[in-house]
Amino acid sequence: MEELKQKDFVEVEFIGKTLDGEVFDSNIQEILKKIDQNSKSSDKVKPFIFSLGQGMFLKSIEDFLIGKPSEKAEYEITLTPEQAFGIRQSALIQVVPMKAFFEQKIIPQAGMIFNFEGRLAKILSVSGGRVIVDFNHPLAGKTVIYNLNVLRKVEDLNEKIKAFTEFLFRREFKFEVNEQEKKIILEVEAKVKDFVNLFSDKFNELFGMNLELKIVEPLVKENNKEIK
């Protein structure tokens, strides 16, 4: 029986929950509706496809799947804080001057969660000109459980490239594959060319193909329709 190995792509459904059963993440529509009652019924959850050993999911889960059968299977995985979102660190509870919030036009209030220079942070208290902020991950220090349903091993090259590209750049780029010349041609705007090029070695490592960028004009919207 074939086993999953590093760099293989798999499609999964998952539910992440704490030991007391509180669900904090999932890619299953019905579960997400329970987490966020404000989500629209028309919202569509995309399949979650990732490559093992590439940091696209929790490392402990990727490591768990390597060596498992490549066929459809269900698993329940319990992760310690060290395996999941880390232990709580007192050094990550810091004092931030009130001025830093005002410059961003934010009025800080206790309990508020915000993005601070790419890091999620929670305001613990506001007193005078000082704001005490917790930069620990919200689930730091907690043991968590993942129910994982491996749907399939992904074999289609285009599916793999699409999933990897969306993971890296948080958006979808048009692309084509020239298997004869062993290259992936990615359509990008000039303003992101240099950034995308930083990952050319990673594309070569994962797919055994060179990355070639085709510069296109950015899309603009007119009457809710994208045009060039």
Protein backbone atom coordinates (compact mmCIF):
# COMPACT_ATOMS: atom_id res chain seq x y z
CA MET A 1 0.00 0.00 0.00
CA GLU A 2 1.36 3.40 -0.98
CA GLU A 3 2.27 5.70 1.90
CA LEU A 4 2.12 9.48 2.04
CA LYS A 5 5.51 11.14 1.87
CA GLN A 6 7.01 14.60 2.09
CA LYS A 7 5.93 16.94 -0.75
CA ASP A 8 2.78 14.89 -1.45
CA PHE A 9 -0.39 16.99 -1.71
CA VAL A 10 -3.54 15.91 0.13
CA GLU A 11 -7.07 17.27 0.41
CA VAL A 12 -8.57 17.22 3.89
CA GLU A 13 -11.56 18.26 5.93
CA PHE A 14 -10.74 19.20 9.50
CA ILE A 15 -12.18 20.39 12.78
CA GLY A 16 -9.93 21.98 15.41
CA LYS A 17 -11.25 22.12 18.96
CA THR A 18 -10.09 22.57 22.53
CA LEU A 19 -10.26 19.83 25.15
CA ASP A 20 -13.61 21.18 26.37
CA GLY A 21 -15.05 20.81 22.86
CA GLU A 22 -14.97 24.44 21.74
CA VAL A 23 -14.42 24.52 17.99
CA PHE A 24 -11.93 27.20 16.90
CA ASP A 25 -11.34 26.30 13.25
CA SER A 26 -12.72 24.15 10.45
CA ASN A 27 -13.14 24.03 6.69
CA ILE A 28 -16.54 22.35 6.89
CA GLN A 29 -19.42 24.67 6.02
CA GLU A 30 -21.87 23.38 8.63
CA ILE A 31 -19.29 23.68 11.40
CA LEU A 32 -18.28 27.20 10.37
CA LYS A 33 -21.92 28.29 10.47
CA LYS A 34 -22.03 27.23 14.12
CA ILE A 35 -18.83 29.12 14.91
CA ASP A 36 -19.89 32.31 13.13
CA GLN A 37 -23.62 32.86 13.10
CA ASN A 38 -23.10 35.96 10.94
CA SER A 39 -21.60 34.04 8.03
CA LYS A 40 -23.75 34.05 4.91
CA SER A 41 -25.29 30.80 3.78
CA SER A 42 -23.95 31.54 0.31
CA ASP A 43 -20.35 31.57 1.55
CA LYS A 44 -18.47 28.66 0.05
CA VAL A 45 -15.67 26.87 1.87
CA LYS A 46 -12.83 25.98 -0.44
CA PRO A 47 -11.26 22.52 -0.31
CA PHE A 48 -8.11 22.56 1.81
CA ILE A 49 -5.23 21.15 -0.21
CA PHE A 50 -1.70 21.29 1.17
CA SER A 51 1.72 19.75 0.67
CA LEU A 52 3.26 17.67 3.45
CA GLY A 53 6.37 19.09 5.02
CA GLN A 54 5.99 22.55 3.50
CA GLY A 55 4.54 24.45 6.45
CA MET A 56 1.11 24.84 4.89
CA PHE A 57 -0.61 23.36 7.98
CA LEU A 58 0.53 22.71 11.54
CA LYS A 59 3.90 20.95 11.37
CA SER A 60 2.79 18.31 13.87
CA ILE A 61 -0.16 17.35 11.66
CA GLU A 62 1.98 17.25 8.52
CA ASP A 63 4.51 15.05 10.35
CA PHE A 64 1.68 12.79 11.57
CA LEU A 65 0.42 12.19 8.03
CA ILE A 66 3.81 11.35 6.54
CA GLY A 67 3.98 7.56 6.40
CA LYS A 68 0.21 7.09 6.65
CA PRO A 69 -1.67 5.23 3.85
CA SER A 70 -2.48 7.48 0.90
CA GLU A 71 -6.09 6.28 0.83
CA LYS A 72 -9.14 8.00 2.35
CA ALA A 73 -8.96 7.88 6.16
CA GLU A 74 -10.14 9.62 9.34
CA TYR A 75 -7.93 10.49 12.30
CA GLU A 76 -8.26 12.17 15.69
CA ILE A 77 -5.03 13.87 16.71
CA THR A 78 -4.38 15.32 20.16
CA LEU A 79 -1.68 18.00 20.22
CA THR A 80 0.11 19.37 23.27
CA PRO A 81 0.69 23.14 23.43
CA GLU A 82 4.25 22.61 22.19
CA GLN A 83 2.91 20.67 19.17
CA ALA A 84 0.11 23.13 18.48
CA PHE A 85 0.29 26.88 19.15
CA GLY A 86 3.08 27.05 21.69
CA ILE A 87 3.25 27.66 25.40
CA ARG A 88 2.28 31.02 26.88
CA GLN A 89 5.24 33.35 27.34
CA SER A 90 5.17 36.20 29.81
CA ALA A 91 7.66 38.06 27.60
CA LEU A 92 4.93 38.36 24.98
CA ILE A 93 2.76 40.43 27.32
CA GLN A 94 3.99 43.95 26.60
CA VAL A 95 3.18 47.57 27.24
CA VAL A 96 2.38 49.58 24.11
CA PRO A 97 2.13 53.39 24.26
CA MET A 98 -1.34 54.79 23.65
CA LYS A 99 0.19 56.94 20.91
CA ALA A 100 0.82 53.87 18.75
CA PHE A 101 -2.93 53.17 18.64
CA PHE A 102 -3.95 56.75 18.01
CA GLU A 103 -1.56 56.91 15.04
CA GLN A 104 -3.55 54.02 13.53
CA LYS A 105 -6.84 55.69 14.46
CA ILE A 106 -7.67 52.92 16.93
CA ILE A 107 -9.27 53.54 20.33
CA PRO A 108 -7.96 50.64 22.44
CA GLN A 109 -10.35 48.79 24.72
CA ALA A 110 -9.81 45.76 26.94
CA GLY A 111 -10.67 42.52 25.15
CA MET A 112 -10.10 43.94 21.67
CA ILE A 113 -8.19 41.66 19.27
CA PHE A 114 -6.31 43.31 16.45
CA ASN A 115 -3.50 42.79 13.95
CA PHE A 116 -0.31 44.48 15.14
CA GLU A 117 2.40 44.46 12.47
CA GLY A 118 1.32 41.03 11.25
CA ARG A 119 0.77 39.53 14.72
CA LEU A 120 -2.59 38.89 16.37
CA ALA A 121 -2.73 40.58 19.75
CA LYS A 122 -5.27 41.01 22.52
CA ILE A 123 -5.60 44.11 24.69
CA LEU A 124 -5.64 43.09 28.36
CA SER A 125 -6.04 46.51 29.96
CA VAL A 126 -5.96 50.23 29.24
CA SER A 127 -4.75 52.61 31.92
CA GLY A 128 -3.66 56.18 31.41
CA GLY A 129 -1.27 56.32 28.52
CA ARG A 130 -0.37 52.63 28.72
CA VAL A 131 -1.96 49.67 26.99
CA ILE A 132 -1.06 46.15 28.11
CA VAL A 133 -1.13 43.83 25.09
CA ASP A 134 -0.87 40.03 24.93
CA PHE A 135 0.99 38.86 21.81
CA ASN A 136 0.63 35.16 22.65
CA HIS A 137 -1.44 33.14 20.19
CA PRO A 138 -5.04 32.96 21.50
CA LEU A 139 -4.63 29.18 21.86
CA ALA A 140 -1.14 29.27 23.34
CA GLY A 141 -0.82 26.96 26.32
CA LYS A 142 -3.79 24.82 25.32
CA THR A 143 -3.95 21.18 24.30
CA VAL A 144 -6.08 20.89 21.17
CA ILE A 145 -7.72 18.12 19.19
CA TYR A 146 -7.98 17.89 15.41
CA ASN A 147 -10.49 15.61 13.70
CA LEU A 148 -8.94 15.06 10.30
CA ASN A 149 -10.64 13.49 7.30
CA VAL A 150 -8.15 12.76 4.53
CA LEU A 151 -10.26 12.80 1.37
CA ARG A 152 -7.60 11.98 -1.23
CA LYS A 153 -4.04 12.30 -2.36
CA VAL A 154 -3.98 15.03 -5.00
CA GLU A 155 -2.31 13.93 -8.22
CA ASP A 156 -3.30 16.69 -10.66
CA LEU A 157 -0.40 19.11 -11.18
CA ASN A 158 -2.65 22.11 -11.83
CA GLU A 159 -4.51 21.54 -8.56
CA LYS A 160 -1.21 21.39 -6.71
CA ILE A 161 0.12 24.60 -8.24
CA LYS A 162 -3.16 26.43 -7.62
CA ALA A 163 -3.21 25.38 -3.95
CA PHE A 164 0.43 26.27 -3.39
CA THR A 165 0.15 29.63 -5.14
CA GLU A 166 -2.94 30.64 -3.15
CA PHE A 167 -1.20 29.60 0.07
CA LEU A 168 1.90 31.69 -0.66
CA PHE A 169 0.24 34.81 -2.01
CA ARG A 170 -3.27 34.67 -0.48
CA ARG A 171 -4.78 35.21 -3.92
CA GLU A 172 -5.32 33.37 -7.18
CA PHE A 173 -3.01 33.91 -10.15
CA LYS A 174 -3.65 32.62 -13.64
CA PHE A 175 -0.96 30.22 -14.80
CA GLU A 176 -0.10 27.65 -17.42
CA VAL A 177 2.25 24.68 -17.34
CA ASN A 178 4.72 23.87 -20.10
CA GLU A 179 5.72 20.33 -19.20
CA GLN A 180 7.95 19.97 -22.25
CA GLU A 181 10.10 22.92 -21.18
CA LYS A 182 9.51 22.17 -17.50
CA LYS A 183 8.26 25.60 -16.52
CA ILE A 184 5.31 27.19 -14.78
CA ILE A 185 4.22 30.49 -16.32
CA LEU A 186 2.52 32.68 -13.73
CA GLU A 187 0.62 35.85 -14.68
CA VAL A 188 1.37 38.66 -12.22
CA GLU A 189 1.24 42.45 -12.07
CA ALA A 190 4.53 44.30 -12.31
CA LYS A 191 4.23 45.60 -8.74
CA VAL A 192 4.42 42.08 -7.25
CA LYS A 193 6.95 40.60 -9.68
CA ASP A 194 9.97 40.89 -7.39
CA PHE A 195 8.08 39.46 -4.42
CA VAL A 196 6.77 36.46 -6.36
CA ASN A 197 10.25 35.82 -7.77
CA LEU A 198 11.52 35.24 -4.24
CA PHE A 199 9.74 31.87 -4.31
CA SER A 200 11.11 30.62 -7.63
CA ASP A 201 13.47 28.16 -5.92
CA LYS A 202 10.56 26.79 -3.87
CA PHE A 203 8.52 26.12 -7.02
CA ASN A 204 11.51 24.34 -8.53
CA GLU A 205 12.03 22.26 -5.38
CA LEU A 206 8.38 21.24 -5.10
CA PHE A 207 7.43 20.75 -8.74
CA GLY A 208 10.76 20.28 -10.49
CA MET A 209 9.94 23.19 -12.81
CA ASN A 210 11.28 26.70 -13.32
CA LEU A 211 9.04 29.65 -12.54
CA GLU A 212 8.52 32.16 -15.33
CA LEU A 213 6.57 35.36 -14.76
CA LYS A 214 4.34 36.93 -17.40
CA ILE A 215 3.61 40.57 -16.59
CA VAL A 216 -0.02 41.59 -17.10
CA GLU A 217 -2.00 44.76 -16.54
CA PRO A 218 -3.81 44.89 -13.19
CA LEU A 219 -7.53 44.25 -13.24
CA VAL A 220 -9.88 47.09 -12.41
CA LYS A 221 -13.53 46.87 -11.49
CA GLU A 222 -16.31 48.58 -13.41
CA ASN A 223 -19.93 47.99 -12.35
CA ASN A 224 -18.71 45.04 -10.25
CA LYS A 225 -17.15 43.42 -13.31
CA GLU A 226 -13.41 42.88 -13.63
CA ILE A 227 -11.90 44.35 -16.77
CA LYS A 228 -8.39 45.05 -18.03
